[in-house]
């Protein structure tokens, strides 16, 4: 499916003007952020069908994360706004989904708190590093953490049994893996930062 979407984008007449705020990659990112209000339907404690719809929208938003980066790199329209919006969109969608699942008992609050605190700490670290013109790039651990979070949140959004599997149990299991990677990658960022001092 991703290859099909990439092939479709290859055929689009895309402007390479980096000054255009609404270039295609940034527009894809903003559409992804537009999924967030739909997540608030979780507050009504949705049943099986609505849970599946919300999960599908969340998964589609996660897939577009691959597409906006691909389009930006392929057409040379990587912008400062895009570099800021892309990781922000990821954190907003994943963290919002996790926070909204707390009141309906689908996710432990303490895990959500640790994940968000780690994200804030790493973002703060990157801001401090940027004042010294240092760039701390996303590590492989950080990317694995994000992937596990997306899988876990997707399964927890589905919540109900699907194709003979207990989606909630799968989500919780992957969430614990994500938690370990979250802490590990956070420590890794701080170690890298300290080595530059």
Protein backbone atom coordinates (compact mmCIF):
# COMPACT_ATOMS: atom_id res chain seq x y z
CA UNK A 1 0.00 0.00 0.00
CA UNK A 2 2.83 2.40 0.89
CA UNK A 3 4.52 1.67 -2.48
CA UNK A 4 1.23 2.41 -4.27
CA UNK A 5 0.91 5.75 -2.46
CA UNK A 6 4.54 6.64 -3.20
CA UNK A 7 4.00 5.85 -6.90
CA UNK A 8 0.91 8.08 -6.86
CA UNK A 9 2.87 10.96 -5.35
CA UNK A 10 5.60 10.50 -7.96
CA UNK A 11 3.03 11.42 -10.63
CA UNK A 12 1.90 14.64 -8.94
CA UNK A 13 3.13 18.03 -10.18
CA UNK A 14 4.82 19.10 -6.94
CA UNK A 15 6.29 22.54 -6.47
CA UNK A 16 9.82 22.58 -5.11
CA UNK A 17 9.40 26.06 -3.66
CA UNK A 18 10.61 25.86 -0.07
CA UNK A 19 9.02 29.22 0.70
CA UNK A 20 5.56 27.77 0.12
CA UNK A 21 4.27 26.96 3.62
CA UNK A 22 1.49 24.81 2.17
CA UNK A 23 3.76 22.61 0.08
CA UNK A 24 2.69 18.97 -0.18
CA UNK A 25 4.74 17.51 2.72
CA UNK A 26 3.59 20.24 5.13
CA UNK A 27 -0.01 19.85 3.97
CA UNK A 28 0.15 16.08 4.60
CA UNK A 29 1.52 16.77 8.10
CA UNK A 30 -1.27 19.27 8.84
CA UNK A 31 -3.90 16.80 7.63
CA UNK A 32 -2.36 14.30 10.04
CA UNK A 33 -2.76 16.80 12.88
CA UNK A 34 -6.39 17.21 11.76
CA UNK A 35 -7.08 13.64 12.90
CA UNK A 36 -6.61 14.71 16.54
CA UNK A 37 -10.15 16.10 17.12
CA UNK A 38 -11.60 12.77 15.97
CA UNK A 39 -9.68 11.06 18.78
CA UNK A 40 -11.85 12.91 21.29
CA UNK A 41 -14.62 10.45 20.40
CA UNK A 42 -12.74 8.13 22.76
CA UNK A 43 -14.20 10.11 25.66
CA UNK A 44 -17.63 8.62 24.92
CA UNK A 45 -16.15 5.15 25.56
CA UNK A 46 -16.87 3.87 22.04
CA UNK A 47 -18.06 0.38 21.22
CA UNK A 48 -16.43 -2.12 18.89
CA UNK A 49 -17.33 -0.44 15.57
CA UNK A 50 -16.39 3.12 16.50
CA UNK A 51 -13.19 1.92 18.19
CA UNK A 52 -12.18 0.24 14.94
CA UNK A 53 -12.94 3.40 12.91
CA UNK A 54 -10.84 5.54 15.28
CA UNK A 55 -8.01 2.99 15.11
CA UNK A 56 -8.07 2.95 11.29
CA UNK A 57 -7.87 6.77 11.17
CA UNK A 58 -4.99 6.70 13.63
CA UNK A 59 -3.14 4.08 11.54
CA UNK A 60 -3.71 6.10 8.34
CA UNK A 61 -2.30 9.17 10.11
CA UNK A 62 0.75 7.11 11.12
CA UNK A 63 1.25 5.95 7.52
CA UNK A 64 1.16 9.55 6.26
CA UNK A 65 4.14 10.19 8.54
CA UNK A 66 6.18 8.03 6.16
CA UNK A 67 4.74 9.79 3.12
CA UNK A 68 5.41 13.40 4.06
CA UNK A 69 9.07 12.62 4.80
CA UNK A 70 9.39 10.66 1.56
CA UNK A 71 7.88 13.46 -0.53
CA UNK A 72 9.97 16.15 1.19
CA UNK A 73 13.23 14.27 0.57
CA UNK A 74 12.40 13.11 -2.96
CA UNK A 75 11.46 16.59 -4.21
CA UNK A 76 13.99 18.52 -2.14
CA UNK A 77 11.35 20.50 -0.24
CA UNK A 78 12.60 19.90 3.27
CA UNK A 79 11.69 23.08 5.16
CA UNK A 80 12.33 24.39 8.66
CA UNK A 81 8.57 24.37 9.27
CA UNK A 82 8.37 20.75 8.10
CA UNK A 83 11.24 19.72 10.37
CA UNK A 84 9.33 21.26 13.28
CA UNK A 85 5.82 20.08 12.35
CA UNK A 86 6.61 16.46 11.51
CA UNK A 87 7.86 15.29 14.94
CA UNK A 88 5.34 17.58 16.64
CA UNK A 89 2.47 15.92 14.73
CA UNK A 90 3.70 12.47 15.78
CA UNK A 91 3.86 13.41 19.45
CA UNK A 92 0.50 15.23 19.39
CA UNK A 93 -1.35 12.31 17.82
CA UNK A 94 0.22 9.52 19.89
CA UNK A 95 0.16 11.42 23.19
CA UNK A 96 -3.42 12.67 22.67
CA UNK A 97 -4.62 9.14 21.92
CA UNK A 98 -2.89 7.81 25.04
CA UNK A 99 -4.23 10.57 27.30
CA UNK A 100 -7.78 10.08 26.02
CA UNK A 101 -7.62 6.34 26.68
CA UNK A 102 -6.83 6.87 30.38
CA UNK A 103 -10.39 7.81 31.50
CA UNK A 104 -11.90 4.81 29.72
CA UNK A 105 -9.42 2.41 31.30
CA UNK A 106 -7.61 1.27 28.18
CA UNK A 107 -4.12 2.40 29.21
CA UNK A 108 -2.30 2.83 32.54
CA UNK A 109 -1.88 6.52 33.43
CA UNK A 110 1.61 6.02 34.89
CA UNK A 111 2.96 4.68 31.58
CA UNK A 112 1.49 7.65 29.70
CA UNK A 113 3.06 10.02 32.24
CA UNK A 114 6.53 8.47 31.83
CA UNK A 115 6.33 8.57 28.02
CA UNK A 116 5.23 12.21 27.96
CA UNK A 117 7.83 13.26 30.55
CA UNK A 118 10.54 11.59 28.48
CA UNK A 119 9.36 13.38 25.33
CA UNK A 120 9.38 16.75 27.12
CA UNK A 121 12.84 16.10 28.58
CA UNK A 122 14.31 15.10 25.20
CA UNK A 123 12.69 18.09 23.46
CA UNK A 124 14.13 20.37 26.14
CA UNK A 125 17.54 18.77 25.67
CA UNK A 126 17.38 19.32 21.93
CA UNK A 127 16.44 22.98 22.48
CA UNK A 128 19.43 23.48 24.77
CA UNK A 129 21.71 21.75 22.26
CA UNK A 130 20.39 23.88 19.40
CA UNK A 131 21.45 27.07 21.20
CA UNK A 132 25.03 25.76 20.84
CA UNK A 133 24.37 24.83 17.19
CA UNK A 134 24.39 21.14 18.13
CA UNK A 135 21.97 18.75 16.45
CA UNK A 136 20.98 15.57 18.28
CA UNK A 137 19.50 13.38 15.58
CA UNK A 138 16.80 10.80 16.20
CA UNK A 139 18.45 7.52 17.13
CA UNK A 140 17.48 4.05 15.98
CA UNK A 141 16.21 3.45 19.52
CA UNK A 142 13.99 6.51 19.25
CA UNK A 143 12.54 5.30 15.95
CA UNK A 144 11.92 1.83 17.40
CA UNK A 145 10.23 3.45 20.38
CA UNK A 146 7.93 5.43 18.10
CA UNK A 147 7.06 2.35 16.04
CA UNK A 148 6.21 0.36 19.18
CA UNK A 149 4.10 3.23 20.50
CA UNK A 150 2.13 3.41 17.24
CA UNK A 151 1.52 -0.37 17.23
CA UNK A 152 0.54 -0.35 20.91
CA UNK A 153 -1.80 2.63 20.59
CA UNK A 154 -3.39 1.16 17.44
CA UNK A 155 -4.14 -2.11 19.24
CA UNK A 156 -5.43 -0.31 22.35
CA UNK A 157 -7.69 1.86 20.18
CA UNK A 158 -9.14 -1.30 18.61
CA UNK A 159 -9.47 -2.71 22.16
CA UNK A 160 -11.95 -5.46 21.30
CA UNK A 161 -11.02 -8.95 20.00
CA UNK A 162 -10.16 -8.86 16.30
CA UNK A 163 -9.37 -11.84 14.03
CA UNK A 164 -9.24 -14.10 17.08
CA UNK A 165 -6.67 -11.95 18.89
CA UNK A 166 -7.21 -9.93 22.06
CA UNK A 167 -6.29 -6.48 20.72
CA UNK A 168 -6.13 -4.97 24.20
CA UNK A 169 -3.72 -7.63 25.51
CA UNK A 170 -1.51 -7.23 22.42
CA UNK A 171 -1.54 -3.45 22.88
CA UNK A 172 -0.54 -3.66 26.54
CA UNK A 173 2.29 -6.13 25.76
CA UNK A 174 3.71 -3.88 23.03
CA UNK A 175 3.19 -0.84 25.25
CA UNK A 176 5.55 -2.30 27.86
CA UNK A 177 8.16 -2.81 25.12
CA UNK A 178 7.60 0.80 24.06
CA UNK A 179 8.04 1.92 27.66
CA UNK A 180 11.42 0.16 27.93
CA UNK A 181 12.55 1.69 24.61
CA UNK A 182 11.24 5.09 25.74
CA UNK A 183 13.39 5.08 28.87
CA UNK A 184 16.38 3.54 27.09
CA UNK A 185 16.30 6.01 24.19
CA UNK A 186 15.82 8.91 26.61
CA UNK A 187 18.96 7.90 28.52
CA UNK A 188 20.76 7.50 25.18
CA UNK A 189 19.89 11.09 24.16
CA UNK A 190 21.21 12.44 27.48
CA UNK A 191 24.45 10.43 27.17
CA UNK A 192 24.99 11.77 23.63
CA UNK A 193 24.35 15.31 24.88
CA UNK A 194 26.81 14.96 27.77
CA UNK A 195 29.49 13.69 25.39
CA UNK A 196 29.24 16.95 23.42
CA UNK A 197 29.89 19.06 26.55
